């Protein structure tokens, strides 16, 4: 849960700092928060082998391309994804590491 809170706050701060109008799409009508970036009560998924891990990583990288989101044309073009790191080796956030160590 701390990861979700931390990353949600970082996304919010970045969108505020850059005056990105996409921030409004994360607005919620809740007493305890103004924005929501992650689905509440998300389910943990065991990554018991490399194939399952890669399937989930591919899903995460390709999710912004879905018709309902259309956040980018290519996975590595979505700023808030590790796909750019895996494509270029550049970590703009200073927190990403390769899953192989």
PDB file of N, CA and C in Angstrom:
ATOM      1  N   UNK A   1       0.815  -1.188   0.000  1.00  0.00           N
ATOM      2  CA  UNK A   1       0.000   0.000   0.000  1.00  0.00           C
ATOM      3  C   UNK A   1       0.866   1.261   0.000  1.00  0.00           C
ATOM      4  N   UNK A   2       2.001   1.217   0.668  1.00  0.00           N
ATOM      5  CA  UNK A   2       2.867   2.393   0.690  1.00  0.00           C
ATOM      6  C   UNK A   2       3.355   2.739  -0.707  1.00  0.00           C
ATOM      7  N   UNK A   3       3.623   1.703  -1.524  1.00  0.00           N
ATOM      8  CA  UNK A   3       4.065   1.945  -2.902  1.00  0.00           C
ATOM      9  C   UNK A   3       2.994   2.700  -3.680  1.00  0.00           C
ATOM     10  N   UNK A   4       1.737   2.280  -3.539  1.00  0.00           N
ATOM     11  CA  UNK A   4       0.646   2.934  -4.258  1.00  0.00           C
ATOM     12  C   UNK A   4       0.494   4.383  -3.812  1.00  0.00           C
ATOM     13  N   UNK A   5       0.562   4.626  -2.513  1.00  0.00           N
ATOM     14  CA  UNK A   5       0.452   5.998  -2.002  1.00  0.00           C
ATOM     15  C   UNK A   5       1.605   6.858  -2.509  1.00  0.00           C
ATOM     16  N   UNK A   6       2.812   6.324  -2.404  1.00  0.00           N
ATOM     17  CA  UNK A   6       3.987   7.075  -2.843  1.00  0.00           C
ATOM     18  C   UNK A   6       3.916   7.414  -4.331  1.00  0.00           C
ATOM     19  N   UNK A   7       3.648   6.412  -5.159  1.00  0.00           N
ATOM     20  CA  UNK A   7       3.630   6.664  -6.603  1.00  0.00           C
ATOM     21  C   UNK A   7       2.468   7.562  -6.994  1.00  0.00           C
ATOM     22  N   UNK A   8       1.320   7.423  -6.332  1.00  0.00           N
ATOM     23  CA  UNK A   8       0.185   8.308  -6.599  1.00  0.00           C
ATOM     24  C   UNK A   8       0.526   9.759  -6.284  1.00  0.00           C
ATOM     25  N   UNK A   9       1.183   9.964  -5.142  1.00  0.00           N
ATOM     26  CA  UNK A   9       1.586  11.326  -4.773  1.00  0.00           C
ATOM     27  C   UNK A   9       2.600  11.888  -5.768  1.00  0.00           C
ATOM     28  N   UNK A  10       3.545  11.066  -6.177  1.00  0.00           N
ATOM     29  CA  UNK A  10       4.553  11.537  -7.123  1.00  0.00           C
ATOM     30  C   UNK A  10       3.919  11.913  -8.462  1.00  0.00           C
ATOM     31  N   UNK A  11       2.961  11.113  -8.922  1.00  0.00           N
ATOM     32  CA  UNK A  11       2.274  11.445 -10.177  1.00  0.00           C
ATOM     33  C   UNK A  11       1.502  12.748 -10.021  1.00  0.00           C
ATOM     34  N   UNK A  12       0.808  12.904  -8.898  1.00  0.00           N
ATOM     35  CA  UNK A  12       0.051  14.137  -8.652  1.00  0.00           C
ATOM     36  C   UNK A  12       0.981  15.348  -8.647  1.00  0.00           C
ATOM     37  N   UNK A  13       2.081  15.265  -7.899  1.00  0.00           N
ATOM     38  CA  UNK A  13       3.020  16.387  -7.832  1.00  0.00           C
ATOM     39  C   UNK A  13       3.564  16.745  -9.212  1.00  0.00           C
ATOM     40  N   UNK A  14       3.893  15.721  -9.999  1.00  0.00           N
ATOM     41  CA  UNK A  14       4.448  15.963 -11.333  1.00  0.00           C
ATOM     42  C   UNK A  14       3.413  16.643 -12.234  1.00  0.00           C
ATOM     43  N   UNK A  15       2.167  16.157 -12.182  1.00  0.00           N
ATOM     44  CA  UNK A  15       1.121  16.756 -13.003  1.00  0.00           C
ATOM     45  C   UNK A  15       0.827  18.195 -12.571  1.00  0.00           C
ATOM     46  N   UNK A  16       0.875  18.458 -11.278  1.00  0.00           N
ATOM     47  CA  UNK A  16       0.676  19.824 -10.779  1.00  0.00           C
ATOM     48  C   UNK A  16       1.833  20.710 -11.225  1.00  0.00           C
ATOM     49  N   UNK A  17       3.067  20.228 -11.031  1.00  0.00           N
ATOM     50  CA  UNK A  17       4.248  21.013 -11.397  1.00  0.00           C
ATOM     51  C   UNK A  17       4.288  21.373 -12.875  1.00  0.00           C
ATOM     52  N   UNK A  18       3.837  20.440 -13.717  1.00  0.00           N
ATOM     53  CA  UNK A  18       3.872  20.670 -15.157  1.00  0.00           C
ATOM     54  C   UNK A  18       2.575  21.277 -15.690  1.00  0.00           C
ATOM     55  N   UNK A  19       1.634  21.537 -14.772  1.00  0.00           N
ATOM     56  CA  UNK A  19       0.329  22.114 -15.144  1.00  0.00           C
ATOM     57  C   UNK A  19      -0.359  21.271 -16.234  1.00  0.00           C
ATOM     58  N   UNK A  20      -0.230  19.954 -16.099  1.00  0.00           N
ATOM     59  CA  UNK A  20      -0.802  19.018 -17.072  1.00  0.00           C
ATOM     60  C   UNK A  20      -2.309  18.884 -16.833  1.00  0.00           C
ATOM     61  N   UNK A  21      -3.108  19.112 -17.876  1.00  0.00           N
ATOM     62  CA  UNK A  21      -4.558  19.049 -17.717  1.00  0.00           C
ATOM     63  C   UNK A  21      -5.091  17.631 -17.504  1.00  0.00           C
ATOM     64  N   UNK A  22      -4.241  16.614 -17.647  1.00  0.00           N
ATOM     65  CA  UNK A  22      -4.667  15.234 -17.387  1.00  0.00           C
ATOM     66  C   UNK A  22      -4.978  15.009 -15.903  1.00  0.00           C
ATOM     67  N   UNK A  23      -4.475  15.898 -15.034  1.00  0.00           N
ATOM     68  CA  UNK A  23      -4.721  15.753 -13.603  1.00  0.00           C
ATOM     69  C   UNK A  23      -6.214  15.706 -13.299  1.00  0.00           C
ATOM     70  N   UNK A  24      -6.997  16.474 -14.016  1.00  0.00           N
ATOM     71  CA  UNK A  24      -8.447  16.516 -13.763  1.00  0.00           C
ATOM     72  C   UNK A  24      -9.118  15.170 -13.995  1.00  0.00           C
ATOM     73  N   UNK A  25      -8.526  14.324 -14.823  1.00  0.00           N
ATOM     74  CA  UNK A  25      -9.128  13.010 -15.077  1.00  0.00           C
ATOM     75  C   UNK A  25      -8.978  12.064 -13.884  1.00  0.00           C
ATOM     76  N   UNK A  26      -8.178  12.450 -12.887  1.00  0.00           N
ATOM     77  CA  UNK A  26      -7.995  11.633 -11.694  1.00  0.00           C
ATOM     78  C   UNK A  26      -8.774  12.178 -10.492  1.00  0.00           C
ATOM     79  N   UNK A  27      -9.586  13.212 -10.704  1.00  0.00           N
ATOM     80  CA  UNK A  27     -10.370  13.814  -9.634  1.00  0.00           C
ATOM     81  C   UNK A  27     -11.478  12.854  -9.201  1.00  0.00           C
ATOM     82  N   UNK A  28     -11.662  12.746  -7.865  1.00  0.00           N
ATOM     83  CA  UNK A  28     -12.725  11.905  -7.314  1.00  0.00           C
ATOM     84  C   UNK A  28     -13.522  12.705  -6.291  1.00  0.00           C
ATOM     85  N   UNK A  29     -14.743  12.265  -6.068  1.00  0.00           N
ATOM     86  CA  UNK A  29     -15.599  12.890  -5.068  1.00  0.00           C
ATOM     87  C   UNK A  29     -15.520  12.049  -3.799  1.00  0.00           C
ATOM     88  N   UNK A  30     -14.478  12.280  -3.005  1.00  0.00           N
ATOM     89  CA  UNK A  30     -14.268  11.509  -1.788  1.00  0.00           C
ATOM     90  C   UNK A  30     -13.880  12.453  -0.652  1.00  0.00           C
ATOM     91  N   UNK A  31     -14.223  12.071   0.565  1.00  0.00           N
ATOM     92  CA  UNK A  31     -13.924  12.920   1.723  1.00  0.00           C
ATOM     93  C   UNK A  31     -12.446  12.898   2.087  1.00  0.00           C
ATOM     94  N   UNK A  32     -11.770  11.797   1.789  1.00  0.00           N
ATOM     95  CA  UNK A  32     -10.383  11.648   2.244  1.00  0.00           C
ATOM     96  C   UNK A  32      -9.330  11.918   1.177  1.00  0.00           C
ATOM     97  N   UNK A  33      -9.742  12.285  -0.039  1.00  0.00           N
ATOM     98  CA  UNK A  33      -8.755  12.565  -1.080  1.00  0.00           C
ATOM     99  C   UNK A  33      -9.415  13.323  -2.238  1.00  0.00           C
ATOM    100  N   UNK A  34      -8.594  14.058  -2.948  1.00  0.00           N
ATOM    101  CA  UNK A  34      -9.078  14.817  -4.104  1.00  0.00           C
ATOM    102  C   UNK A  34      -8.837  14.065  -5.412  1.00  0.00           C
ATOM    103  N   UNK A  35      -7.745  13.288  -5.446  1.00  0.00           N
ATOM    104  CA  UNK A  35      -7.384  12.541  -6.655  1.00  0.00           C
ATOM    105  C   UNK A  35      -7.196  11.071  -6.313  1.00  0.00           C
ATOM    106  N   UNK A  36      -7.421  10.207  -7.303  1.00  0.00           N
ATOM    107  CA  UNK A  36      -7.185   8.778  -7.131  1.00  0.00           C
ATOM    108  C   UNK A  36      -6.531   8.248  -8.393  1.00  0.00           C
ATOM    109  N   UNK A  37      -5.317   7.712  -8.217  1.00  0.00           N
ATOM    110  CA  UNK A  37      -4.553   7.199  -9.352  1.00  0.00           C
ATOM    111  C   UNK A  37      -4.639   5.688  -9.469  1.00  0.00           C
ATOM    112  N   UNK A  38      -4.845   5.019  -8.352  1.00  0.00           N
ATOM    113  CA  UNK A  38      -4.860   3.557  -8.335  1.00  0.00           C
ATOM    114  C   UNK A  38      -6.237   3.061  -7.941  1.00  0.00           C
ATOM    115  N   UNK A  39      -6.595   1.898  -8.468  1.00  0.00           N
ATOM    116  CA  UNK A  39      -7.853   1.263  -8.117  1.00  0.00           C
ATOM    117  C   UNK A  39      -7.824   0.892  -6.634  1.00  0.00           C
ATOM    118  N   UNK A  40      -8.893   1.181  -5.925  1.00  0.00           N
ATOM    119  CA  UNK A  40      -8.972   0.840  -4.511  1.00  0.00           C
ATOM    120  C   UNK A  40      -9.051  -0.677  -4.361  1.00  0.00           C
ATOM    121  N   UNK A  41      -8.469  -1.183  -3.294  1.00  0.00           N
ATOM    122  CA  UNK A  41      -8.477  -2.618  -3.000  1.00  0.00           C
ATOM    123  C   UNK A  41      -7.895  -3.456  -4.137  1.00  0.00           C
ATOM    124  N   UNK A  42      -6.788  -2.986  -4.673  1.00  0.00           N
ATOM    125  CA  UNK A  42      -6.162  -3.736  -5.769  1.00  0.00           C
ATOM    126  C   UNK A  42      -5.720  -5.107  -5.265  1.00  0.00           C
ATOM    127  N   UNK A  43      -5.747  -6.060  -6.135  1.00  0.00           N
ATOM    128  CA  UNK A  43      -5.407  -7.439  -5.772  1.00  0.00           C
ATOM    129  C   UNK A  43      -3.921  -7.693  -5.970  1.00  0.00           C
ATOM    130  N   UNK A  44      -3.324  -8.317  -4.996  1.00  0.00           N
ATOM    131  CA  UNK A  44      -1.919  -8.717  -5.133  1.00  0.00           C
ATOM    132  C   UNK A  44      -1.855  -9.957  -6.016  1.00  0.00           C
ATOM    133  N   UNK A  45      -0.850 -10.000  -6.869  1.00  0.00           N
ATOM    134  CA  UNK A  45      -0.670 -11.141  -7.764  1.00  0.00           C
ATOM    135  C   UNK A  45       0.703 -11.728  -7.510  1.00  0.00           C
ATOM    136  N   UNK A  46       0.744 -13.009  -7.199  1.00  0.00           N
ATOM    137  CA  UNK A  46       2.026 -13.680  -6.987  1.00  0.00           C
ATOM    138  C   UNK A  46       2.747 -13.833  -8.316  1.00  0.00           C
ATOM    139  N   UNK A  47       3.988 -13.436  -8.338  1.00  0.00           N
ATOM    140  CA  UNK A  47       4.817 -13.546  -9.541  1.00  0.00           C
ATOM    141  C   UNK A  47       5.750 -14.732  -9.334  1.00  0.00           C
ATOM    142  N   UNK A  48       5.199 -15.916  -9.472  1.00  0.00           N
ATOM    143  CA  UNK A  48       5.901 -17.138  -9.082  1.00  0.00           C
ATOM    144  C   UNK A  48       6.916 -17.639 -10.078  1.00  0.00           C
ATOM    145  N   UNK A  49       6.932 -17.082 -11.273  1.00  0.00           N
ATOM    146  CA  UNK A  49       7.968 -17.484 -12.223  1.00  0.00           C
ATOM    147  C   UNK A  49       8.198 -16.352 -13.232  1.00  0.00           C
ATOM    148  N   UNK A  50       9.300 -16.393 -13.948  1.00  0.00           N
ATOM    149  CA  UNK A  50       9.629 -15.306 -14.883  1.00  0.00           C
ATOM    150  C   UNK A  50       8.580 -15.075 -15.969  1.00  0.00           C
ATOM    151  N   UNK A  51       7.917 -16.133 -16.416  1.00  0.00           N
ATOM    152  CA  UNK A  51       6.900 -15.963 -17.460  1.00  0.00           C
ATOM    153  C   UNK A  51       5.715 -15.133 -16.957  1.00  0.00           C
ATOM    154  N   UNK A  52       5.281 -15.405 -15.743  1.00  0.00           N
ATOM    155  CA  UNK A  52       4.167 -14.640 -15.164  1.00  0.00           C
ATOM    156  C   UNK A  52       4.605 -13.192 -14.945  1.00  0.00           C
ATOM    157  N   UNK A  53       5.819 -12.995 -14.455  1.00  0.00           N
ATOM    158  CA  UNK A  53       6.324 -11.637 -14.259  1.00  0.00           C
ATOM    159  C   UNK A  53       6.328 -10.867 -15.575  1.00  0.00           C
ATOM    160  N   UNK A  54       6.840 -11.467 -16.639  1.00  0.00           N
ATOM    161  CA  UNK A  54       6.902 -10.787 -17.931  1.00  0.00           C
ATOM    162  C   UNK A  54       5.507 -10.504 -18.482  1.00  0.00           C
ATOM    163  N   UNK A  55       4.571 -11.421 -18.259  1.00  0.00           N
ATOM    164  CA  UNK A  55       3.196 -11.190 -18.702  1.00  0.00           C
ATOM    165  C   UNK A  55       2.625  -9.948 -18.012  1.00  0.00           C
ATOM    166  N   UNK A  56       2.846  -9.840 -16.724  1.00  0.00           N
ATOM    167  CA  UNK A  56       2.323  -8.694 -15.969  1.00  0.00           C
ATOM    168  C   UNK A  56       3.050  -7.401 -16.355  1.00  0.00           C
ATOM    169  N   UNK A  57       4.347  -7.475 -16.552  1.00  0.00           N
ATOM    170  CA  UNK A  57       5.101  -6.298 -16.958  1.00  0.00           C
ATOM    171  C   UNK A  57       4.641  -5.811 -18.334  1.00  0.00           C
ATOM    172  N   UNK A  58       4.432  -6.733 -19.256  1.00  0.00           N
ATOM    173  CA  UNK A  58       3.919  -6.359 -20.585  1.00  0.00           C
ATOM    174  C   UNK A  58       2.538  -5.712 -20.475  1.00  0.00           C
ATOM    175  N   UNK A  59       1.697  -6.269 -19.608  1.00  0.00           N
ATOM    176  CA  UNK A  59       0.364  -5.691 -19.409  1.00  0.00           C
ATOM    177  C   UNK A  59       0.480  -4.253 -18.899  1.00  0.00           C
ATOM    178  N   UNK A  60       1.330  -4.048 -17.887  1.00  0.00           N
ATOM    179  CA  UNK A  60       1.509  -2.709 -17.317  1.00  0.00           C
ATOM    180  C   UNK A  60       2.025  -1.736 -18.376  1.00  0.00           C
ATOM    181  N   UNK A  61       2.987  -2.174 -19.169  1.00  0.00           N
ATOM    182  CA  UNK A  61       3.560  -1.301 -20.195  1.00  0.00           C
ATOM    183  C   UNK A  61       2.573  -0.991 -21.309  1.00  0.00           C
ATOM    184  N   UNK A  62       1.696  -1.925 -21.626  1.00  0.00           N
ATOM    185  CA  UNK A  62       0.761  -1.720 -22.732  1.00  0.00           C
ATOM    186  C   UNK A  62      -0.577  -1.125 -22.309  1.00  0.00           C
ATOM    187  N   UNK A  63      -0.856  -1.090 -21.020  1.00  0.00           N
ATOM    188  CA  UNK A  63      -2.134  -0.579 -20.540  1.00  0.00           C
ATOM    189  C   UNK A  63      -2.412   0.859 -20.993  1.00  0.00           C
ATOM    190  N   UNK A  64      -1.447   1.782 -20.965  1.00  0.00           N
ATOM    191  CA  UNK A  64      -1.734   3.157 -21.415  1.00  0.00           C
ATOM    192  C   UNK A  64      -2.129   3.257 -22.891  1.00  0.00           C
ATOM    193  N   UNK A  65      -1.883   2.216 -23.676  1.00  0.00           N
ATOM    194  CA  UNK A  65      -2.213   2.229 -25.091  1.00  0.00           C
ATOM    195  C   UNK A  65      -3.650   1.799 -25.362  1.00  0.00           C
ATOM    196  N   UNK A  66      -4.319   1.248 -24.359  1.00  0.00           N
ATOM    197  CA  UNK A  66      -5.677   0.737 -24.547  1.00  0.00           C
ATOM    198  C   UNK A  66      -6.603   1.822 -25.090  1.00  0.00           C
ATOM    199  N   UNK A  67      -7.573   1.377 -25.852  1.00  0.00           N
ATOM    200  CA  UNK A  67      -8.528   2.294 -26.486  1.00  0.00           C
ATOM    201  C   UNK A  67      -9.182   3.223 -25.466  1.00  0.00           C
ATOM    202  N   UNK A  68      -9.517   2.708 -24.285  1.00  0.00           N
ATOM    203  CA  UNK A  68     -10.218   3.539 -23.299  1.00  0.00           C
ATOM    204  C   UNK A  68      -9.323   4.603 -22.668  1.00  0.00           C
ATOM    205  N   UNK A  69      -7.976   4.408 -22.733  1.00  0.00           N
ATOM    206  CA  UNK A  69      -7.068   5.392 -22.135  1.00  0.00           C
ATOM    207  C   UNK A  69      -6.426   6.284 -23.197  1.00  0.00           C
ATOM    208  N   UNK A  70      -5.838   5.661 -24.208  1.00  0.00           N
ATOM    209  CA  UNK A  70      -5.138   6.389 -25.278  1.00  0.00           C
ATOM    210  C   UNK A  70      -4.163   7.433 -24.726  1.00  0.00           C
ATOM    211  N   UNK A  71      -3.319   6.999 -23.803  1.00  0.00           N
ATOM    212  CA  UNK A  71      -2.374   7.913 -23.175  1.00  0.00           C
ATOM    213  C   UNK A  71      -1.086   8.065 -23.971  1.00  0.00           C
ATOM    214  N   UNK A  72      -0.826   7.111 -24.855  1.00  0.00           N
ATOM    215  CA  UNK A  72       0.338   7.213 -25.733  1.00  0.00           C
ATOM    216  C   UNK A  72       0.170   6.238 -26.888  1.00  0.00           C
ATOM    217  N   UNK A  73       1.015   6.424 -27.885  1.00  0.00           N
ATOM    218  CA  UNK A  73       0.957   5.534 -29.050  1.00  0.00           C
ATOM    219  C   UNK A  73       1.816   4.293 -28.835  1.00  0.00           C
ATOM    220  N   UNK A  74       2.939   4.461 -28.132  1.00  0.00           N
ATOM    221  CA  UNK A  74       3.855   3.363 -27.852  1.00  0.00           C
ATOM    222  C   UNK A  74       4.126   3.297 -26.354  1.00  0.00           C
ATOM    223  N   UNK A  75       4.362   2.105 -25.811  1.00  0.00           N
ATOM    224  CA  UNK A  75       4.595   1.987 -24.366  1.00  0.00           C
ATOM    225  C   UNK A  75       5.705   2.899 -23.848  1.00  0.00           C
ATOM    226  N   UNK A  76       6.794   3.001 -24.585  1.00  0.00           N
ATOM    227  CA  UNK A  76       7.920   3.814 -24.117  1.00  0.00           C
ATOM    228  C   UNK A  76       7.655   5.324 -24.199  1.00  0.00           C
ATOM    229  N   UNK A  77       6.574   5.717 -24.877  1.00  0.00           N
ATOM    230  CA  UNK A  77       6.218   7.134 -24.953  1.00  0.00           C
ATOM    231  C   UNK A  77       5.417   7.609 -23.752  1.00  0.00           C
ATOM    232  N   UNK A  78       4.852   6.677 -22.974  1.00  0.00           N
ATOM    233  CA  UNK A  78       4.081   7.069 -21.794  1.00  0.00           C
ATOM    234  C   UNK A  78       5.051   7.412 -20.671  1.00  0.00           C
ATOM    235  N   UNK A  79       5.056   8.665 -20.288  1.00  0.00           N
ATOM    236  CA  UNK A  79       6.052   9.201 -19.358  1.00  0.00           C
ATOM    237  C   UNK A  79       6.100   8.468 -18.022  1.00  0.00           C
ATOM    238  N   UNK A  80       4.977   8.013 -17.512  1.00  0.00           N
ATOM    239  CA  UNK A  80       4.907   7.433 -16.171  1.00  0.00           C
ATOM    240  C   UNK A  80       4.986   5.913 -16.195  1.00  0.00           C
ATOM    241  N   UNK A  81       5.735   5.383 -17.126  1.00  0.00           N
ATOM    242  CA  UNK A  81       5.892   3.936 -17.265  1.00  0.00           C
ATOM    243  C   UNK A  81       7.367   3.575 -17.256  1.00  0.00           C
ATOM    244  N   UNK A  82       7.660   2.377 -16.788  1.00  0.00           N
ATOM    245  CA  UNK A  82       9.045   1.900 -16.846  1.00  0.00           C
ATOM    246  C   UNK A  82       9.402   1.398 -18.243  1.00  0.00           C
ATOM    247  N   UNK A  83       8.452   1.406 -19.168  1.00  0.00           N
ATOM    248  CA  UNK A  83       8.726   0.939 -20.532  1.00  0.00           C
ATOM    249  C   UNK A  83       9.851   1.736 -21.177  1.00  0.00           C
ATOM    250  N   UNK A  84       9.894   3.032 -20.922  1.00  0.00           N
ATOM    251  CA  UNK A  84      10.966   3.859 -21.486  1.00  0.00           C
ATOM    252  C   UNK A  84      12.323   3.398 -20.946  1.00  0.00           C
ATOM    253  N   UNK A  85      12.378   3.076 -19.667  1.00  0.00           N
ATOM    254  CA  UNK A  85      13.617   2.584 -19.068  1.00  0.00           C
ATOM    255  C   UNK A  85      14.062   1.284 -19.737  1.00  0.00           C
ATOM    256  N   UNK A  86      13.120   0.363 -19.936  1.00  0.00           N
ATOM    257  CA  UNK A  86      13.474  -0.911 -20.564  1.00  0.00           C
ATOM    258  C   UNK A  86      13.875  -0.736 -22.028  1.00  0.00           C
ATOM    259  N   UNK A  87      13.337   0.279 -22.694  1.00  0.00           N
ATOM    260  CA  UNK A  87      13.680   0.519 -24.104  1.00  0.00           C
ATOM    261  C   UNK A  87      15.001   1.271 -24.256  1.00  0.00           C
ATOM    262  N   UNK A  88      15.292   2.202 -23.326  1.00  0.00           N
ATOM    263  CA  UNK A  88      16.454   3.076 -23.501  1.00  0.00           C
ATOM    264  C   UNK A  88      17.526   2.934 -22.426  1.00  0.00           C
ATOM    265  N   UNK A  89      17.145   2.381 -21.263  1.00  0.00           N
ATOM    266  CA  UNK A  89      18.075   2.303 -20.132  1.00  0.00           C
ATOM    267  C   UNK A  89      18.135   3.584 -19.325  1.00  0.00           C
ATOM    268  N   UNK A  90      17.359   4.594 -19.716  1.00  0.00           N
ATOM    269  CA  UNK A  90      17.348   5.875 -19.026  1.00  0.00           C
ATOM    270  C   UNK A  90      16.246   5.875 -17.958  1.00  0.00           C
ATOM    271  N   UNK A  91      16.617   6.185 -16.717  1.00  0.00           N
ATOM    272  CA  UNK A  91      15.671   6.248 -15.603  1.00  0.00           C
ATOM    273  C   UNK A  91      15.470   7.695 -15.208  1.00  0.00           C
ATOM    274  N   UNK A  92      14.444   8.333 -15.754  1.00  0.00           N
ATOM    275  CA  UNK A  92      14.177   9.742 -15.470  1.00  0.00           C
ATOM    276  C   UNK A  92      13.782   9.990 -14.018  1.00  0.00           C
ATOM    277  N   UNK A  93      13.286   8.966 -13.324  1.00  0.00           N
ATOM    278  CA  UNK A  93      12.789   9.134 -11.962  1.00  0.00           C
ATOM    279  C   UNK A  93      13.830   8.792 -10.906  1.00  0.00           C
ATOM    280  N   UNK A  94      14.882   8.081 -11.294  1.00  0.00           N
ATOM    281  CA  UNK A  94      15.917   7.715 -10.344  1.00  0.00           C
ATOM    282  C   UNK A  94      15.538   6.605  -9.392  1.00  0.00           C
ATOM    283  N   UNK A  95      14.484   5.833  -9.713  1.00  0.00           N
ATOM    284  CA  UNK A  95      14.050   4.756  -8.822  1.00  0.00           C
ATOM    285  C   UNK A  95      13.851   3.414  -9.524  1.00  0.00           C
ATOM    286  N   UNK A  96      13.985   3.401 -10.838  1.00  0.00           N
ATOM    287  CA  UNK A  96      13.695   2.181 -11.597  1.00  0.00           C
ATOM    288  C   UNK A  96      14.929   1.320 -11.697  1.00  0.00           C
ATOM    289  N   UNK A  97      14.747   0.034 -11.538  1.00  0.00           N
ATOM    290  CA  UNK A  97      15.841  -0.907 -11.750  1.00  0.00           C
ATOM    291  C   UNK A  97      15.344  -2.062 -12.605  1.00  0.00           C
ATOM    292  N   UNK A  98      16.244  -2.697 -13.281  1.00  0.00           N
ATOM    293  CA  UNK A  98      15.879  -3.795 -14.175  1.00  0.00           C
ATOM    294  C   UNK A  98      15.489  -5.013 -13.352  1.00  0.00           C
ATOM    295  N   UNK A  99      14.480  -5.732 -13.797  1.00  0.00           N
ATOM    296  CA  UNK A  99      13.982  -6.887 -13.050  1.00  0.00           C
ATOM    297  C   UNK A  99      15.024  -8.013 -12.969  1.00  0.00           C
ATOM    298  N   UNK A 100      16.027  -8.006 -13.826  1.00  0.00           N
ATOM    299  CA  UNK A 100      17.071  -9.027 -13.774  1.00  0.00           C
ATOM    300  C   UNK A 100      18.209  -8.654 -12.824  1.00  0.00           C
ATOM    301  N   UNK A 101      18.037  -7.539 -12.134  1.00  0.00           N
ATOM    302  CA  UNK A 101      19.058  -7.138 -11.159  1.00  0.00           C
ATOM    303  C   UNK A 101      19.941  -6.132 -11.701  1.00  0.00           C
TER     304      UNK A 101
END
